C-alpha atoms as a PDB file:
ATOM      1  CA  MET A   1      -1.738  15.245  11.302  1.00  0.00           C
ATOM      2  CA  ALA A   2      -5.314  14.354   9.867  1.00  0.00           C
ATOM      3  CA  ASP A   3      -6.020  10.939  11.690  1.00  0.00           C
ATOM      4  CA  ASN A   4      -9.777  11.293  10.861  1.00  0.00           C
ATOM      5  CA  LEU A   5      -9.241  11.394   7.253  1.00  0.00           C
ATOM      6  CA  VAL A   6      -6.500   8.357   7.213  1.00  0.00           C
ATOM      7  CA  CYS A   7      -8.565   6.015   9.577  1.00  0.00           C
ATOM      8  CA  GLY A   8     -11.364   4.113   8.521  1.00  0.00           C
ATOM      9  CA  LYS A   9     -11.818   1.249   5.457  1.00  0.00           C
ATOM     10  CA  TRP A  10     -11.203   1.850   2.024  1.00  0.00           C
ATOM     11  CA  GLN A  11     -12.567  -0.237  -1.034  1.00  0.00           C
ATOM     12  CA  LEU A  12     -10.212  -0.486  -4.296  1.00  0.00           C
ATOM     13  CA  LYS A  13     -12.589   0.953  -6.801  1.00  0.00           C
ATOM     14  CA  GLU A  14     -10.163   1.763 -10.036  1.00  0.00           C
ATOM     15  CA  SER A  15      -6.741   0.501 -10.837  1.00  0.00           C
ATOM     16  CA  GLU A  16      -4.459   1.708 -13.579  1.00  0.00           C
ATOM     17  CA  ASN A  17      -1.220  -0.173 -14.730  1.00  0.00           C
ATOM     18  CA  PHE A  18      -1.290  -2.244 -11.855  1.00  0.00           C
ATOM     19  CA  GLU A  19      -0.350  -5.436 -13.526  1.00  0.00           C
ATOM     20  CA  ASP A  20       2.719  -3.777 -15.063  1.00  0.00           C
ATOM     21  CA  PHE A  21       3.732  -2.488 -11.567  1.00  0.00           C
ATOM     22  CA  MET A  22       3.575  -5.935 -10.286  1.00  0.00           C
ATOM     23  CA  LYS A  23       5.652  -7.411 -13.030  1.00  0.00           C
ATOM     24  CA  ALA A  24       8.308  -4.891 -12.711  1.00  0.00           C
ATOM     25  CA  LEU A  25       8.537  -6.041  -8.988  1.00  0.00           C
ATOM     26  CA  GLY A  26       9.022  -9.501 -10.255  1.00  0.00           C
ATOM     27  CA  VAL A  27       5.641 -10.753  -9.047  1.00  0.00           C
ATOM     28  CA  GLY A  28       4.567 -14.075 -10.568  1.00  0.00           C
ATOM     29  CA  TYR A  29       2.031 -14.342 -13.443  1.00  0.00           C
ATOM     30  CA  MET A  30      -0.466 -16.345 -11.336  1.00  0.00           C
ATOM     31  CA  VAL A  31      -0.284 -13.683  -8.766  1.00  0.00           C
ATOM     32  CA  ARG A  32      -0.461 -11.116 -11.061  1.00  0.00           C
ATOM     33  CA  LYS A  33      -3.650 -12.367 -12.740  1.00  0.00           C
ATOM     34  CA  LEU A  34      -5.334 -12.862  -9.314  1.00  0.00           C
ATOM     35  CA  GLY A  35      -4.128  -9.178  -7.955  1.00  0.00           C
ATOM     36  CA  ASN A  36      -5.402  -7.557 -10.978  1.00  0.00           C
ATOM     37  CA  GLN A  37      -8.663  -9.113 -10.510  1.00  0.00           C
ATOM     38  CA  SER A  38      -8.798  -8.357  -6.686  1.00  0.00           C
ATOM     39  CA  LYS A  39     -10.808  -5.197  -5.506  1.00  0.00           C
ATOM     40  CA  PRO A  40      -8.869  -5.360  -1.922  1.00  0.00           C
ATOM     41  CA  LEU A  41     -10.602  -3.766   1.196  1.00  0.00           C
ATOM     42  CA  LEU A  42      -7.873  -1.631   3.078  1.00  0.00           C
ATOM     43  CA  THR A  43      -8.402  -1.002   6.895  1.00  0.00           C
ATOM     44  CA  ILE A  44      -6.195   1.881   8.772  1.00  0.00           C
ATOM     45  CA  ASN A  45      -6.466   2.243  12.271  1.00  0.00           C
ATOM     46  CA  LYS A  46      -4.578   4.105  15.019  1.00  0.00           C
ATOM     47  CA  ASP A  47      -3.842   2.961  18.609  1.00  0.00           C
ATOM     48  CA  ASN A  48      -1.815   5.866  20.564  1.00  0.00           C
ATOM     49  CA  ASP A  49       1.121   6.341  17.989  1.00  0.00           C
ATOM     50  CA  SER A  50       1.270   3.256  16.287  1.00  0.00           C
ATOM     51  CA  TYR A  51      -0.799   2.415  13.239  1.00  0.00           C
ATOM     52  CA  SER A  52      -2.133  -0.864  11.374  1.00  0.00           C
ATOM     53  CA  MET A  53      -2.875  -1.430   7.957  1.00  0.00           C
ATOM     54  CA  LYS A  54      -4.803  -4.485   6.738  1.00  0.00           C
ATOM     55  CA  SER A  55      -5.495  -5.455   3.458  1.00  0.00           C
ATOM     56  CA  GLU A  56      -8.049  -8.182   2.521  1.00  0.00           C
ATOM     57  CA  SER A  57      -8.238  -9.298  -1.029  1.00  0.00           C
ATOM     58  CA  LEU A  58      -8.956 -12.625  -3.136  1.00  0.00           C
ATOM     59  CA  VAL A  59      -5.313 -13.293  -3.254  1.00  0.00           C
ATOM     60  CA  LYS A  60      -4.370 -12.960   0.348  1.00  0.00           C
ATOM     61  CA  THR A  61      -4.989 -10.945   3.819  1.00  0.00           C
ATOM     62  CA  SER A  62      -2.101  -9.156   4.834  1.00  0.00           C
ATOM     63  CA  GLU A  63      -1.561  -6.900   7.840  1.00  0.00           C
ATOM     64  CA  PHE A  64       1.320  -4.643   9.311  1.00  0.00           C
ATOM     65  CA  SER A  65       1.859  -2.225  12.202  1.00  0.00           C
ATOM     66  CA  PHE A  66       4.166   0.683  12.183  1.00  0.00           C
ATOM     67  CA  LYS A  67       4.969   4.019  13.700  1.00  0.00           C
ATOM     68  CA  LEU A  68       5.732   7.189  11.737  1.00  0.00           C
ATOM     69  CA  ASN A  69       9.446   7.837  11.084  1.00  0.00           C
ATOM     70  CA  GLU A  70      10.599   4.436  12.253  1.00  0.00           C
ATOM     71  CA  GLN A  71      11.596   1.653   9.983  1.00  0.00           C
ATOM     72  CA  PHE A  72       9.994  -1.582  10.152  1.00  0.00           C
ATOM     73  CA  ASP A  73      10.089  -5.303   8.670  1.00  0.00           C
ATOM     74  CA  GLU A  74       7.285  -5.977   6.209  1.00  0.00           C
ATOM     75  CA  LEU A  75       6.332  -8.847   4.179  1.00  0.00           C
ATOM     76  CA  SER A  76       4.489  -8.266   0.807  1.00  0.00           C
ATOM     77  CA  ALA A  77       1.443  -9.917   0.038  1.00  0.00           C
ATOM     78  CA  ASP A  78       3.437 -11.571  -2.684  1.00  0.00           C
ATOM     79  CA  GLY A  79       5.938 -12.815  -0.232  1.00  0.00           C
ATOM     80  CA  ARG A  80       8.875 -10.198  -0.658  1.00  0.00           C
ATOM     81  CA  LYS A  81      10.727  -9.121   2.424  1.00  0.00           C
ATOM     82  CA  MET A  82      11.235  -5.450   2.619  1.00  0.00           C
ATOM     83  CA  LYS A  83      12.354  -2.631   4.894  1.00  0.00           C
ATOM     84  CA  SER A  84       9.971  -0.090   5.139  1.00  0.00           C
ATOM     85  CA  LEU A  85       9.291   3.417   6.524  1.00  0.00           C
ATOM     86  CA  MET A  86       5.907   5.302   6.456  1.00  0.00           C
ATOM     87  CA  THR A  87       6.173   9.357   6.634  1.00  0.00           C
ATOM     88  CA  MET A  88       3.577  12.091   6.652  1.00  0.00           C
ATOM     89  CA  ILE A  89       4.675  14.354   3.794  1.00  0.00           C
ATOM     90  CA  ALA A  90       1.778  16.441   4.097  1.00  0.00           C
ATOM     91  CA  PRO A  91      -1.250  16.535   6.687  1.00  0.00           C
ATOM     92  CA  ASN A  92      -3.380  14.137   4.674  1.00  0.00           C
ATOM     93  CA  THR A  93      -0.762  12.383   2.650  1.00  0.00           C
ATOM     94  CA  MET A  94       1.594   9.326   3.776  1.00  0.00           C
ATOM     95  CA  LYS A  95       4.500   8.144   1.790  1.00  0.00           C
ATOM     96  CA  HIS A  96       5.040   4.191   2.342  1.00  0.00           C
ATOM     97  CA  LEU A  97       8.888   3.450   1.234  1.00  0.00           C
ATOM     98  CA  MET A  98       9.703  -0.099   0.749  1.00  0.00           C
ATOM     99  CA  LEU A  99      13.141  -0.994   0.313  1.00  0.00           C
ATOM    100  CA  GLY A 100      13.478  -4.531  -1.145  1.00  0.00           C
ATOM    101  CA  THR A 101      16.003  -7.135   0.725  1.00  0.00           C
ATOM    102  CA  GLU A 102      17.287 -10.133  -0.728  1.00  0.00           C
ATOM    103  CA  GLY A 103      17.828  -8.673  -3.699  1.00  0.00           C
ATOM    104  CA  GLY A 104      14.226  -7.235  -4.166  1.00  0.00           C
ATOM    105  CA  LYS A 105      13.331  -3.839  -5.966  1.00  0.00           C
ATOM    106  CA  ASP A 106      12.687  -0.669  -3.839  1.00  0.00           C
ATOM    107  CA  SER A 107       9.497   1.028  -4.709  1.00  0.00           C
ATOM    108  CA  PHE A 108       7.258   3.255  -2.917  1.00  0.00           C
ATOM    109  CA  CYS A 109       3.521   4.416  -2.515  1.00  0.00           C
ATOM    110  CA  VAL A 110       2.125   7.661  -1.856  1.00  0.00           C
ATOM    111  CA  ARG A 111      -1.257   7.609  -0.192  1.00  0.00           C
ATOM    112  CA  GLU A 112      -3.283  10.880  -0.549  1.00  0.00           C
ATOM    113  CA  PHE A 113      -6.670  10.749   1.878  1.00  0.00           C
ATOM    114  CA  MET A 114      -9.606  12.645   1.099  1.00  0.00           C
ATOM    115  CA  GLU A 115     -12.967  12.880   2.710  1.00  0.00           C
ATOM    116  CA  ASP A 116     -14.651  10.241   0.571  1.00  0.00           C
ATOM    117  CA  GLN A 117     -11.506   8.840  -1.343  1.00  0.00           C
ATOM    118  CA  MET A 118      -8.041   7.770  -1.297  1.00  0.00           C
ATOM    119  CA  LYS A 119      -5.575   8.014  -4.035  1.00  0.00           C
ATOM    120  CA  CYS A 120      -2.572   5.899  -4.017  1.00  0.00           C
ATOM    121  CA  VAL A 121       0.333   6.322  -6.590  1.00  0.00           C
ATOM    122  CA  CYS A 122       2.919   3.504  -6.608  1.00  0.00           C
ATOM    123  CA  GLN A 123       6.217   3.474  -8.261  1.00  0.00           C
ATOM    124  CA  VAL A 124       8.964   0.801  -9.215  1.00  0.00           C
ATOM    125  CA  ASP A 125      11.567   1.672 -11.742  1.00  0.00           C
ATOM    126  CA  ASP A 126       9.984   3.917 -14.014  1.00  0.00           C
ATOM    127  CA  VAL A 127       6.506   1.951 -13.653  1.00  0.00           C
ATOM    128  CA  VAL A 128       3.773   3.831 -11.954  1.00  0.00           C
ATOM    129  CA  THR A 129       0.461   2.592 -10.903  1.00  0.00           C
ATOM    130  CA  THR A 130      -2.600   4.836  -9.700  1.00  0.00           C
ATOM    131  CA  ARG A 131      -5.313   3.143  -7.572  1.00  0.00           C
ATOM    132  CA  MET A 132      -8.418   4.866  -6.530  1.00  0.00           C
ATOM    133  CA  TYR A 133     -10.429   3.636  -3.239  1.00  0.00           C
ATOM    134  CA  ALA A 134     -13.529   4.680  -1.968  1.00  0.00           C
ATOM    135  CA  ARG A 135     -14.240   5.250   1.673  1.00  0.00           C
ATOM    136  CA  ILE A 136     -16.768   2.751   3.155  1.00  0.00           C
END
């Protein structure tokens, strides 16, 4: 596993179709507008076999910890409760499966980590957003 590629700080640089993605998830209008303006800073750390992911943005700071291949409870930045699972699908690619609870929708994100950037592709229903981050 390429922890040296995965761990670090990532700043959002480009985002395609994110508002439609949030809308498909059922995110409210005001939060969508703020979310679309925001350029979150994502920090990924690893301690033994446990990872932590912290996202800091204009809307909210959220953080969660997980172990690969173990389901965990997650609260999204917009307040949705999810059962999530993180898996490595390639040495530098992590899949984040988010199963909606309490009537929420299922979605997933695939994060591909490269030397100086991360590509994050998320999907809910048939709506896809692509977000590019730069390593800082």
